[in-house]
Amino acid sequence: MIWQDGWWAYGFIAIAGWLATDLWRWLGVIAGNRLREDSEALNWVRAVATALVAAVVAKLILYPTGTLETSPLWLRLGAVAVGATAFFLFGRRPAIGIASAIASLAAGLYVLGS
């Protein structure tokens, strides 16, 4: 079998993937431009986005996979506490909070030998 025999499948996947995602993104941009920053709809969107991020973080802490699976729960919770503390102490900068949480988790894993 040569590459040209199955190229249509890759083309179909690319077009279907684009239609399934990009169309909705553009509709979101169009609808989002018409919303006021203090509207209830935008507050709901922010709340849902925040809840999704919180759920992903909670899943990583409570049900980790990979290297995190070998780390103890207290270390994962401690890294989150360090990151949250750094976030609030240094002017609510997400990069500082994330970097400090990762650094404390890495240091803890190094000390434990994981």
N, C-alpha and C. Protein backbone atom coordinates (compact mmCIF):
# COMPACT_ATOMS: atom_id res chain seq x y z
N MET A 1 0.85 -1.19 0.00
CA MET A 1 0.00 0.00 0.00
C MET A 1 0.89 1.24 0.00
N ILE A 2 0.58 2.17 -0.84
CA ILE A 2 1.34 3.42 -0.88
C ILE A 2 0.53 4.53 -0.22
N TRP A 3 1.19 5.64 0.08
CA TRP A 3 0.55 6.73 0.83
C TRP A 3 -0.68 7.27 0.13
N GLN A 4 -0.67 7.38 -1.19
CA GLN A 4 -1.78 7.98 -1.92
C GLN A 4 -3.06 7.16 -1.83
N ASP A 5 -2.96 5.89 -1.51
CA ASP A 5 -4.16 5.05 -1.44
C ASP A 5 -5.10 5.47 -0.32
N GLY A 6 -4.57 5.94 0.78
CA GLY A 6 -5.42 6.25 1.92
C GLY A 6 -5.43 7.71 2.31
N TRP A 7 -5.04 8.60 1.44
CA TRP A 7 -4.96 10.02 1.80
C TRP A 7 -6.31 10.61 2.11
N TRP A 8 -7.36 10.10 1.48
CA TRP A 8 -8.70 10.66 1.68
C TRP A 8 -9.14 10.49 3.14
N ALA A 9 -8.71 9.43 3.81
CA ALA A 9 -9.09 9.22 5.21
C ALA A 9 -8.51 10.33 6.09
N TYR A 10 -7.25 10.68 5.82
CA TYR A 10 -6.62 11.76 6.59
C TYR A 10 -7.28 13.10 6.30
N GLY A 11 -7.63 13.31 5.05
CA GLY A 11 -8.34 14.54 4.68
C GLY A 11 -9.69 14.62 5.36
N PHE A 12 -10.42 13.51 5.38
CA PHE A 12 -11.73 13.48 6.04
C PHE A 12 -11.60 13.77 7.53
N ILE A 13 -10.60 13.16 8.18
CA ILE A 13 -10.38 13.39 9.62
C ILE A 13 -10.06 14.85 9.87
N ALA A 14 -9.22 15.45 9.04
CA ALA A 14 -8.85 16.86 9.22
C ALA A 14 -10.07 17.78 9.05
N ILE A 15 -10.86 17.54 8.02
CA ILE A 15 -12.03 18.39 7.77
C ILE A 15 -13.08 18.19 8.86
N ALA A 16 -13.35 16.94 9.23
CA ALA A 16 -14.34 16.68 10.28
C ALA A 16 -13.88 17.26 11.61
N GLY A 17 -12.59 17.15 11.91
CA GLY A 17 -12.07 17.73 13.15
C GLY A 17 -12.17 19.24 13.16
N TRP A 18 -11.93 19.84 12.00
CA TRP A 18 -12.04 21.29 11.91
C TRP A 18 -13.49 21.73 12.09
N LEU A 19 -14.40 21.05 11.42
CA LEU A 19 -15.81 21.43 11.52
C LEU A 19 -16.34 21.25 12.94
N ALA A 20 -15.90 20.20 13.59
CA ALA A 20 -16.41 19.91 14.93
C ALA A 20 -15.92 20.91 15.97
N THR A 21 -14.76 21.50 15.76
CA THR A 21 -14.22 22.40 16.79
C THR A 21 -14.18 23.86 16.36
N ASP A 22 -13.66 24.13 15.19
CA ASP A 22 -13.44 25.52 14.79
C ASP A 22 -14.74 26.28 14.60
N LEU A 23 -15.74 25.63 14.09
CA LEU A 23 -17.04 26.28 13.89
C LEU A 23 -17.58 26.80 15.22
N TRP A 24 -17.50 25.98 16.26
CA TRP A 24 -18.00 26.40 17.56
C TRP A 24 -17.14 27.49 18.18
N ARG A 25 -15.86 27.47 17.91
CA ARG A 25 -14.99 28.54 18.41
C ARG A 25 -15.38 29.88 17.81
N TRP A 26 -15.61 29.90 16.51
CA TRP A 26 -15.99 31.14 15.85
C TRP A 26 -17.36 31.62 16.33
N LEU A 27 -18.29 30.71 16.51
CA LEU A 27 -19.59 31.10 17.05
C LEU A 27 -19.44 31.66 18.47
N GLY A 28 -18.53 31.10 19.25
CA GLY A 28 -18.27 31.62 20.58
C GLY A 28 -17.67 33.02 20.55
N VAL A 29 -16.78 33.25 19.60
CA VAL A 29 -16.19 34.59 19.45
C VAL A 29 -17.26 35.60 19.07
N ILE A 30 -18.11 35.23 18.13
CA ILE A 30 -19.17 36.14 17.68
C ILE A 30 -20.14 36.43 18.82
N ALA A 31 -20.56 35.40 19.53
CA ALA A 31 -21.49 35.60 20.65
C ALA A 31 -20.80 36.33 21.80
N GLY A 32 -19.54 36.03 22.04
CA GLY A 32 -18.82 36.65 23.14
C GLY A 32 -18.59 38.14 22.96
N ASN A 33 -18.48 38.58 21.73
CA ASN A 33 -18.28 40.01 21.48
C ASN A 33 -19.50 40.83 21.84
N ARG A 34 -20.63 40.19 21.91
CA ARG A 34 -21.87 40.91 22.19
C ARG A 34 -22.23 40.89 23.68
N LEU A 35 -21.44 40.21 24.49
CA LEU A 35 -21.72 40.13 25.92
C LEU A 35 -21.01 41.25 26.66
N ARG A 36 -21.71 41.79 27.64
CA ARG A 36 -21.08 42.76 28.53
C ARG A 36 -20.24 42.01 29.56
N GLU A 37 -19.18 42.64 30.04
CA GLU A 37 -18.29 41.96 30.99
C GLU A 37 -18.96 41.66 32.32
N ASP A 38 -19.99 42.38 32.67
CA ASP A 38 -20.68 42.15 33.93
C ASP A 38 -22.00 41.39 33.74
N SER A 39 -22.21 40.77 32.60
CA SER A 39 -23.46 40.06 32.34
C SER A 39 -23.49 38.72 33.07
N GLU A 40 -24.69 38.24 33.33
CA GLU A 40 -24.87 36.96 34.01
C GLU A 40 -24.36 35.80 33.15
N ALA A 41 -24.52 35.91 31.84
CA ALA A 41 -24.06 34.84 30.96
C ALA A 41 -22.55 34.68 31.05
N LEU A 42 -21.82 35.77 31.05
CA LEU A 42 -20.36 35.71 31.14
C LEU A 42 -19.92 35.25 32.53
N ASN A 43 -20.64 35.65 33.56
CA ASN A 43 -20.34 35.15 34.91
C ASN A 43 -20.53 33.64 34.97
N TRP A 44 -21.56 33.12 34.30
CA TRP A 44 -21.80 31.68 34.27
C TRP A 44 -20.66 30.97 33.54
N VAL A 45 -20.22 31.53 32.42
CA VAL A 45 -19.12 30.93 31.66
C VAL A 45 -17.86 30.90 32.50
N ARG A 46 -17.57 31.97 33.21
CA ARG A 46 -16.39 32.00 34.08
C ARG A 46 -16.49 30.96 35.19
N ALA A 47 -17.69 30.82 35.76
CA ALA A 47 -17.89 29.85 36.83
C ALA A 47 -17.69 28.42 36.31
N VAL A 48 -18.20 28.13 35.13
CA VAL A 48 -18.04 26.79 34.56
C VAL A 48 -16.57 26.53 34.24
N ALA A 49 -15.87 27.50 33.67
CA ALA A 49 -14.46 27.34 33.35
C ALA A 49 -13.65 27.12 34.62
N THR A 50 -13.93 27.86 35.66
CA THR A 50 -13.23 27.70 36.93
C THR A 50 -13.51 26.32 37.53
N ALA A 51 -14.75 25.87 37.45
CA ALA A 51 -15.10 24.55 37.97
C ALA A 51 -14.39 23.44 37.21
N LEU A 52 -14.25 23.60 35.90
CA LEU A 52 -13.54 22.59 35.11
C LEU A 52 -12.07 22.52 35.48
N VAL A 53 -11.44 23.66 35.67
CA VAL A 53 -10.03 23.68 36.08
C VAL A 53 -9.89 23.06 37.47
N ALA A 54 -10.79 23.41 38.38
CA ALA A 54 -10.74 22.84 39.73
C ALA A 54 -10.93 21.33 39.70
N ALA A 55 -11.79 20.84 38.82
CA ALA A 55 -12.01 19.39 38.72
C ALA A 55 -10.78 18.68 38.20
N VAL A 56 -10.11 19.27 37.23
CA VAL A 56 -8.88 18.65 36.69
C VAL A 56 -7.79 18.62 37.77
N VAL A 57 -7.63 19.70 38.50
CA VAL A 57 -6.63 19.75 39.56
C VAL A 57 -6.97 18.73 40.65
N ALA A 58 -8.24 18.64 41.03
CA ALA A 58 -8.64 17.68 42.05
C ALA A 58 -8.39 16.25 41.58
N LYS A 59 -8.65 15.98 40.32
CA LYS A 59 -8.39 14.64 39.79
C LYS A 59 -6.91 14.32 39.84
N LEU A 60 -6.07 15.29 39.48
CA LEU A 60 -4.63 15.06 39.53
C LEU A 60 -4.14 14.83 40.96
N ILE A 61 -4.77 15.46 41.92
CA ILE A 61 -4.35 15.31 43.31
C ILE A 61 -4.87 13.99 43.89
N LEU A 62 -6.14 13.70 43.68
CA LEU A 62 -6.75 12.54 44.33
C LEU A 62 -6.58 11.23 43.57
N TYR A 63 -6.56 11.29 42.24
CA TYR A 63 -6.43 10.09 41.41
C TYR A 63 -5.34 10.28 40.36
N PRO A 64 -4.09 10.40 40.79
CA PRO A 64 -3.02 10.68 39.84
C PRO A 64 -2.63 9.45 39.02
N THR A 65 -1.94 9.71 37.93
CA THR A 65 -1.39 8.64 37.10
C THR A 65 0.10 8.93 36.88
N GLY A 66 0.82 7.95 36.39
CA GLY A 66 2.23 8.15 36.07
C GLY A 66 3.06 8.35 37.32
N THR A 67 4.00 9.29 37.24
CA THR A 67 4.92 9.55 38.36
C THR A 67 4.18 10.06 39.58
N LEU A 68 3.14 10.84 39.36
CA LEU A 68 2.38 11.36 40.50
C LEU A 68 1.73 10.24 41.31
N GLU A 69 1.46 9.12 40.66
CA GLU A 69 0.82 7.99 41.35
C GLU A 69 1.72 7.43 42.45
N THR A 70 3.01 7.55 42.28
CA THR A 70 3.95 7.03 43.29
C THR A 70 4.18 8.02 44.42
N SER A 71 3.73 9.24 44.27
CA SER A 71 3.95 10.25 45.31
C SER A 71 2.84 10.15 46.36
N PRO A 72 3.17 10.44 47.62
CA PRO A 72 2.15 10.39 48.66
C PRO A 72 1.18 11.57 48.55
N LEU A 73 -0.01 11.35 49.08
CA LEU A 73 -1.05 12.38 49.02
C LEU A 73 -0.61 13.65 49.74
N TRP A 74 0.06 13.50 50.87
CA TRP A 74 0.47 14.69 51.62
C TRP A 74 1.41 15.57 50.81
N LEU A 75 2.24 14.96 49.96
CA LEU A 75 3.16 15.74 49.14
C LEU A 75 2.40 16.51 48.05
N ARG A 76 1.43 15.88 47.44
CA ARG A 76 0.63 16.56 46.41
C ARG A 76 -0.18 17.70 47.01
N LEU A 77 -0.77 17.45 48.17
CA LEU A 77 -1.53 18.52 48.84
C LEU A 77 -0.61 19.64 49.30
N GLY A 78 0.57 19.29 49.78
CA GLY A 78 1.53 20.31 50.20
C GLY A 78 1.99 21.17 49.04
N ALA A 79 2.21 20.55 47.88
CA ALA A 79 2.62 21.32 46.71
C ALA A 79 1.53 22.30 46.29
N VAL A 80 0.29 21.88 46.38
CA VAL A 80 -0.83 22.79 46.06
C VAL A 80 -0.88 23.94 47.06
N ALA A 81 -0.67 23.63 48.34
CA ALA A 81 -0.68 24.68 49.37
C ALA A 81 0.46 25.68 49.14
N VAL A 82 1.64 25.18 48.81
CA VAL A 82 2.78 26.07 48.53
C VAL A 82 2.46 26.94 47.32
N GLY A 83 1.92 26.35 46.27
CA GLY A 83 1.59 27.11 45.07
C GLY A 83 0.53 28.17 45.32
N ALA A 84 -0.51 27.81 46.08
CA ALA A 84 -1.57 28.78 46.40
C ALA A 84 -1.02 29.92 47.26
N THR A 85 -0.17 29.59 48.23
CA THR A 85 0.42 30.62 49.08
C THR A 85 1.29 31.57 48.26
N ALA A 86 2.12 31.01 47.38
CA ALA A 86 2.97 31.86 46.53
C ALA A 86 2.13 32.72 45.60
N PHE A 87 1.05 32.15 45.08
CA PHE A 87 0.15 32.90 44.20
C PHE A 87 -0.37 34.15 44.90
N PHE A 88 -0.85 33.99 46.12
CA PHE A 88 -1.42 35.13 46.83
C PHE A 88 -0.37 36.08 47.38
N LEU A 89 0.79 35.56 47.78
CA LEU A 89 1.82 36.43 48.34
C LEU A 89 2.50 37.31 47.28
N PHE A 90 2.60 36.82 46.07
CA PHE A 90 3.34 37.54 45.03
C PHE A 90 2.42 38.17 43.99
N GLY A 91 1.35 38.78 44.44
CA GLY A 91 0.52 39.60 43.57
C GLY A 91 -0.40 38.84 42.64
N ARG A 92 -0.86 37.67 43.05
CA ARG A 92 -1.83 36.88 42.27
C ARG A 92 -1.33 36.62 40.84
N ARG A 93 -0.10 36.19 40.74
CA ARG A 93 0.49 35.86 39.43
C ARG A 93 0.46 34.35 39.25
N PRO A 94 -0.32 33.86 38.29
CA PRO A 94 -0.44 32.41 38.10
C PRO A 94 0.89 31.71 37.84
N ALA A 95 1.77 32.33 37.07
CA ALA A 95 3.04 31.69 36.74
C ALA A 95 3.86 31.41 37.99
N ILE A 96 3.84 32.33 38.94
CA ILE A 96 4.60 32.14 40.18
C ILE A 96 3.99 31.02 41.00
N GLY A 97 2.68 30.98 41.09
CA GLY A 97 2.01 29.91 41.84
C GLY A 97 2.27 28.54 41.23
N ILE A 98 2.16 28.45 39.92
CA ILE A 98 2.38 27.17 39.24
C ILE A 98 3.83 26.73 39.37
N ALA A 99 4.75 27.66 39.15
CA ALA A 99 6.18 27.32 39.23
C ALA A 99 6.57 26.88 40.64
N SER A 100 6.05 27.54 41.64
CA SER A 100 6.41 27.16 43.01
C SER A 100 5.79 25.82 43.39
N ALA A 101 4.60 25.54 42.93
CA ALA A 101 3.98 24.24 43.20
C ALA A 101 4.76 23.12 42.53
N ILE A 102 5.15 23.33 41.28
CA ILE A 102 5.93 22.31 40.56
C ILE A 102 7.29 22.12 41.23
N ALA A 103 7.93 23.23 41.62
CA ALA A 103 9.24 23.13 42.27
C ALA A 103 9.15 22.38 43.60
N SER A 104 8.13 22.67 44.37
CA SER A 104 8.01 21.98 45.66
C SER A 104 7.67 20.51 45.47
N LEU A 105 6.86 20.18 44.48
CA LEU A 105 6.55 18.78 44.19
C LEU A 105 7.80 18.05 43.70
N ALA A 106 8.56 18.69 42.82
CA ALA A 106 9.80 18.09 42.32
C ALA A 106 10.81 17.88 43.45
N ALA A 107 10.94 18.87 44.31
CA ALA A 107 11.87 18.74 45.45
C ALA A 107 11.43 17.61 46.37
N GLY A 108 10.14 17.52 46.62
CA GLY A 108 9.64 16.44 47.47
C GLY A 108 9.86 15.07 46.85
N LEU A 109 9.65 14.95 45.54
CA LEU A 109 9.89 13.69 44.86
C LEU A 109 11.38 13.34 44.89
N TYR A 110 12.22 14.33 44.75
CA TYR A 110 13.68 14.10 44.80
C TYR A 110 14.11 13.61 46.17
N VAL A 111 13.59 14.26 47.23
CA VAL A 111 13.94 13.88 48.59
C VAL A 111 13.46 12.46 48.90
N LEU A 112 12.27 12.13 48.42
CA LEU A 112 11.72 10.79 48.66
C LEU A 112 12.34 9.72 47.78
N GLY A 113 13.06 10.16 46.76
CA GLY A 113 13.70 9.21 45.86
C GLY A 113 12.77 8.60 44.83
N SER A 114 11.67 9.27 44.54
CA SER A 114 10.71 8.76 43.55
C SER A 114 11.04 9.19 42.16
